[in-house]
Amino acid sequence: MSNEAAGASSHWEKSKSLLYITLAIWAVFAFVVHWFGDALNGEAGSFPLGYYMAGQGSQIAFVILVFWFVSRQNRLDDEHGVSEE
C-alpha cells in the first residue's frame, strides 16, 4: 500500500469514527431525552412543558452538533491535506 493510500485510509477511518460519535450524540438528543419528558413535566397545568423543553433543547443541541461536526471534520481534513481551501 502506498503512502497516499495509507493516508486516505487513515483519513477515512477517522472520518467514520467522527460520524459514529456524531450519530450517537444525535440519537441521545433525538430519543433518550424525550423518554424522560414525563419526569420533566411540572405543575404548570395541563401543558406538557417537559416535552416542549425537551423538543426545544434537542433542536438547539442539533444545531450545535452540526457546527461541532463541521469544525472537527475541517480540522481532520486539514491534518490529512484534503481540505477544500
Protein backbone atom coordinates (compact mmCIF):
# COMPACT_ATOMS: atom_id res chain seq x y z
CA MET A 1 0.00 0.00 0.00
CA SER A 2 1.41 3.35 -0.96
CA ASN A 3 1.84 6.22 1.48
CA GLU A 4 -1.00 8.12 -0.18
CA ALA A 5 -3.35 5.15 0.09
CA ALA A 6 -2.42 4.69 3.75
CA GLY A 7 -3.16 8.37 4.39
CA ALA A 8 -6.52 8.10 2.64
CA SER A 9 -7.36 5.00 4.66
CA SER A 10 -6.42 6.77 7.90
CA HIS A 11 -8.50 9.80 6.94
CA TRP A 12 -11.50 7.61 6.14
CA GLU A 13 -11.22 5.66 9.43
CA LYS A 14 -11.06 8.88 11.46
CA SER A 15 -13.97 10.34 9.46
CA LYS A 16 -16.07 7.24 10.15
CA SER A 17 -15.26 7.44 13.86
CA LEU A 18 -16.33 11.08 13.94
CA LEU A 19 -19.52 10.19 12.07
CA TYR A 20 -20.40 7.39 14.52
CA ILE A 21 -19.76 9.63 17.52
CA THR A 22 -21.93 12.34 16.00
CA LEU A 23 -24.74 9.87 15.28
CA ALA A 24 -24.58 8.54 18.85
CA ILE A 25 -24.89 12.06 20.27
CA TRP A 26 -27.74 12.77 17.84
CA ALA A 27 -29.57 9.60 18.96
CA VAL A 28 -29.29 10.63 22.61
CA PHE A 29 -30.86 14.02 21.93
CA ALA A 30 -33.41 12.65 19.45
CA PHE A 31 -34.70 9.72 21.52
CA VAL A 32 -33.31 9.36 25.04
CA VAL A 33 -34.06 12.90 26.21
CA HIS A 34 -37.69 12.56 25.13
CA TRP A 35 -38.16 9.32 27.08
CA PHE A 36 -37.84 11.42 30.22
CA GLY A 37 -40.39 14.03 29.14
CA ASP A 38 -42.91 12.96 31.77
CA ALA A 39 -40.33 13.38 34.51
CA LEU A 40 -39.62 16.91 33.28
CA ASN A 41 -43.29 17.92 33.46
CA GLY A 42 -44.05 20.17 36.38
CA GLU A 43 -47.19 21.57 37.89
CA ALA A 44 -47.78 24.02 35.06
CA GLY A 45 -51.30 22.85 34.37
CA SER A 46 -52.19 20.55 31.52
CA PHE A 47 -49.48 21.83 29.15
CA PRO A 48 -46.73 19.20 28.72
CA LEU A 49 -43.87 21.55 29.50
CA GLY A 50 -41.33 18.73 29.79
CA TYR A 51 -41.88 17.58 26.23
CA TYR A 52 -41.77 21.15 24.98
CA MET A 53 -38.49 21.81 26.78
CA ALA A 54 -37.02 18.51 25.53
CA GLY A 55 -38.04 19.39 21.97
CA GLN A 56 -36.58 22.87 22.11
CA GLY A 57 -33.42 21.65 23.80
CA SER A 58 -32.98 18.94 21.16
CA GLN A 59 -33.23 21.45 18.34
CA ILE A 60 -30.60 23.66 19.96
CA ALA A 61 -28.39 20.61 20.53
CA PHE A 62 -28.76 19.57 16.86
CA VAL A 63 -27.61 22.98 15.63
CA ILE A 64 -24.62 22.93 17.98
CA LEU A 65 -23.86 19.36 16.90
CA VAL A 66 -23.79 20.34 13.22
CA PHE A 67 -21.32 23.16 13.84
CA TRP A 68 -19.19 20.89 16.07
CA PHE A 69 -19.13 18.16 13.41
CA VAL A 70 -18.15 20.57 10.63
CA SER A 71 -15.33 22.11 12.66
CA ARG A 72 -13.95 18.69 13.63
CA GLN A 73 -14.20 17.40 10.04
CA ASN A 74 -12.46 20.50 8.68
CA ARG A 75 -9.66 20.04 11.22
CA LEU A 76 -9.37 16.38 10.24
CA ASP A 77 -9.26 17.31 6.54
CA ASP A 78 -6.52 19.85 7.22
CA GLU A 79 -4.45 17.26 9.09
CA HIS A 80 -4.59 14.89 6.13
CA GLY A 81 -4.13 17.53 3.44
CA VAL A 82 -7.51 17.08 1.79
CA SER A 83 -9.18 20.33 2.80
CA GLU A 84 -11.24 22.20 0.25
CA GLU A 85 -9.48 25.50 0.67
